[in-house]
Amino acid sequence: MELLKKSVQSVLEKDRIGSPVFLRCVLHLADESADLLSSIGVVTALTNEWIPSPPERVYAQGHVDNTQVTVMVHYVGGQMALLSVDKDDIETAIDIMLVGNKGVIYHETPIGRHYQNAIPPELDGTGELTAAIAQSLESGQPVELEV
């Protein structure tokens, strides 16, 4: 994930897509014992680094003991992120679309069926919104964040 993080950050610093306004990310985890809550927390923390406003509201659906958790994050500046983590039988992979006000970044790892030398994403770190995500999953309601 660190390589992906640096790659996207370099594109943002060069202002190639303008200011990020929307991010969609789907992370497939091949590990049946993967902790979906901590995984979605890491993805959310990564997203928060790219979106130029602080998060304002989190809404989560799914169940951490099942196969998928989806989170929608609303940001103070009007930006949004739709993030999903699921368990997959085949391989760990990530699919990202980051939309800016002047362009779009697409990233998929591994790339298609015929990829060579693609490195599956490795989760590292923790997520600062993990508690809010857990609260939203439990209540089924959006959670307002202190800005």
Protein backbone atom coordinates (compact mmCIF):
# COMPACT_ATOMS: atom_id res chain seq x y z
CA MET A 1 0.00 0.00 0.00
CA GLU A 2 2.93 2.31 0.64
CA LEU A 3 3.94 2.24 -3.05
CA LEU A 4 0.36 2.96 -4.11
CA LYS A 5 0.12 5.76 -1.56
CA LYS A 6 3.31 7.41 -2.86
CA SER A 7 2.30 6.99 -6.49
CA VAL A 8 -1.11 8.64 -6.04
CA GLN A 9 0.37 11.36 -3.83
CA SER A 10 2.91 12.26 -6.54
CA VAL A 11 0.09 12.65 -9.10
CA LEU A 12 -1.84 14.85 -6.66
CA GLU A 13 1.22 17.02 -5.92
CA LYS A 14 1.74 17.62 -9.66
CA ASP A 15 -1.92 18.78 -9.86
CA ARG A 16 -2.57 16.38 -12.76
CA ILE A 17 -6.17 15.65 -11.71
CA GLY A 18 -6.85 18.81 -9.75
CA SER A 19 -8.46 18.61 -6.34
CA PRO A 20 -9.91 15.17 -5.43
CA VAL A 21 -13.71 15.16 -5.18
CA PHE A 22 -14.65 11.45 -5.17
CA LEU A 23 -12.89 8.18 -4.46
CA ARG A 24 -14.13 4.64 -5.04
CA CYS A 25 -12.03 1.82 -3.66
CA VAL A 26 -12.69 -1.93 -3.57
CA LEU A 27 -10.23 -4.13 -1.69
CA HIS A 28 -10.51 -7.89 -2.12
CA LEU A 29 -8.79 -9.91 0.61
CA ALA A 30 -7.80 -13.51 -0.10
CA ASP A 31 -7.28 -14.26 3.60
CA GLU A 32 -10.40 -15.90 5.10
CA SER A 33 -9.28 -14.82 8.57
CA ALA A 34 -8.84 -11.17 7.53
CA ASP A 35 -10.25 -8.59 9.92
CA LEU A 36 -12.64 -6.55 7.77
CA LEU A 37 -13.03 -3.77 10.34
CA SER A 38 -9.31 -3.04 10.61
CA SER A 39 -8.92 -3.43 6.84
CA ILE A 40 -11.64 -0.88 6.04
CA GLY A 41 -10.09 1.37 8.70
CA VAL A 42 -6.75 1.27 6.87
CA VAL A 43 -8.42 1.98 3.51
CA THR A 44 -10.33 4.89 5.07
CA ALA A 45 -7.13 6.33 6.58
CA LEU A 46 -5.47 6.12 3.16
CA THR A 47 -8.44 7.89 1.57
CA ASN A 48 -8.35 10.64 4.19
CA GLU A 49 -4.77 11.42 3.14
CA TRP A 50 -5.86 12.09 -0.46
CA ILE A 51 -9.10 14.00 0.12
CA PRO A 52 -8.30 17.65 0.93
CA SER A 53 -11.02 18.11 3.60
CA PRO A 54 -11.52 16.41 6.97
CA PRO A 55 -14.18 13.69 7.21
CA GLU A 56 -17.55 14.88 8.49
CA ARG A 57 -19.80 11.78 8.46
CA VAL A 58 -19.34 8.02 8.13
CA TYR A 59 -22.00 5.50 7.11
CA ALA A 60 -21.21 1.78 7.06
CA GLN A 61 -23.13 -1.30 5.93
CA GLY A 62 -22.31 -4.98 6.16
CA HIS A 63 -21.05 -7.12 8.98
CA VAL A 64 -17.44 -7.64 9.98
CA ASP A 65 -18.02 -11.37 10.54
CA ASN A 66 -19.42 -11.91 7.05
CA THR A 67 -17.79 -11.27 3.72
CA GLN A 68 -18.12 -7.53 3.03
CA VAL A 69 -18.12 -4.10 4.66
CA THR A 70 -18.92 -0.94 2.68
CA VAL A 71 -18.34 2.58 4.01
CA MET A 72 -19.38 5.96 2.65
CA VAL A 73 -17.44 8.94 3.96
CA HIS A 74 -18.70 12.51 3.50
CA TYR A 75 -16.13 15.28 3.83
CA VAL A 76 -16.51 18.87 5.02
CA GLY A 77 -15.71 20.26 1.54
CA GLY A 78 -18.43 18.16 -0.14
CA GLN A 79 -16.15 15.35 -1.30
CA MET A 80 -17.22 11.72 -0.93
CA ALA A 81 -15.58 8.31 -0.75
CA LEU A 82 -17.20 4.91 -1.31
CA LEU A 83 -15.02 2.17 0.13
CA SER A 84 -15.57 -1.57 0.21
CA VAL A 85 -13.56 -4.46 1.65
CA ASP A 86 -14.53 -8.05 0.99
CA LYS A 87 -13.19 -11.56 1.29
CA ASP A 88 -12.26 -13.26 -1.97
CA ASP A 89 -11.26 -16.86 -2.64
CA ILE A 90 -8.79 -16.05 -5.39
CA GLU A 91 -6.31 -13.28 -4.55
CA THR A 92 -5.79 -10.02 -2.73
CA ALA A 93 -6.39 -7.08 -5.08
CA ILE A 94 -7.36 -3.43 -5.00
CA ASP A 95 -9.31 -1.30 -7.48
CA ILE A 96 -9.25 2.49 -7.07
CA MET A 97 -10.82 5.35 -8.99
CA LEU A 98 -9.93 8.82 -7.71
CA VAL A 99 -11.85 11.61 -9.44
CA GLY A 100 -10.49 15.14 -9.35
CA ASN A 101 -12.01 18.33 -10.68
CA LYS A 102 -9.63 18.14 -13.68
CA GLY A 103 -9.10 14.41 -14.25
CA VAL A 104 -9.19 10.84 -12.94
CA ILE A 105 -6.71 8.27 -11.62
CA TYR A 106 -7.47 4.58 -12.08
CA HIS A 107 -5.46 1.85 -10.37
CA GLU A 108 -6.04 -1.88 -10.32
CA THR A 109 -3.70 -4.43 -8.74
CA PRO A 110 -3.28 -7.02 -10.04
CA ILE A 111 -4.02 -5.65 -13.49
CA GLY A 112 -6.50 -7.81 -15.39
CA ARG A 113 -6.08 -11.50 -16.09
CA HIS A 114 -2.68 -11.28 -17.77
CA TYR A 115 -0.65 -9.29 -15.27
CA GLN A 116 3.03 -9.89 -14.66
CA ASN A 117 5.02 -8.69 -11.68
CA ALA A 118 1.99 -7.08 -10.04
CA ILE A 119 2.33 -6.78 -6.28
CA PRO A 120 -0.81 -7.43 -4.24
CA PRO A 121 -1.54 -4.65 -1.74
CA GLU A 122 -0.30 -5.18 1.81
CA LEU A 123 -2.22 -3.50 4.58
CA ASP A 124 -0.20 -1.60 7.11
CA GLY A 125 -1.10 0.82 9.83
CA THR A 126 -4.43 1.49 11.45
CA GLY A 127 -7.40 3.66 10.72
CA GLU A 128 -8.42 6.67 12.73
CA LEU A 129 -12.11 6.19 11.81
CA THR A 130 -12.31 2.51 12.78
CA ALA A 131 -14.34 3.25 15.93
CA ALA A 132 -16.82 5.41 13.99
CA ILE A 133 -17.16 2.70 11.32
CA ALA A 134 -17.82 0.08 14.01
CA GLN A 135 -20.43 2.36 15.61
CA SER A 136 -22.19 2.88 12.26
CA LEU A 137 -22.17 -0.87 11.53
CA GLU A 138 -23.71 -1.57 14.93
CA SER A 139 -26.36 1.15 14.78
CA GLY A 140 -27.09 1.04 11.04
CA GLN A 141 -27.00 4.84 11.10
CA PRO A 142 -24.53 7.49 9.90
CA VAL A 143 -22.06 8.74 12.51
CA GLU A 144 -21.29 12.45 12.69
CA LEU A 145 -17.62 13.19 13.32
CA GLU A 146 -16.13 16.06 15.26
CA VAL A 147 -14.36 18.33 12.82
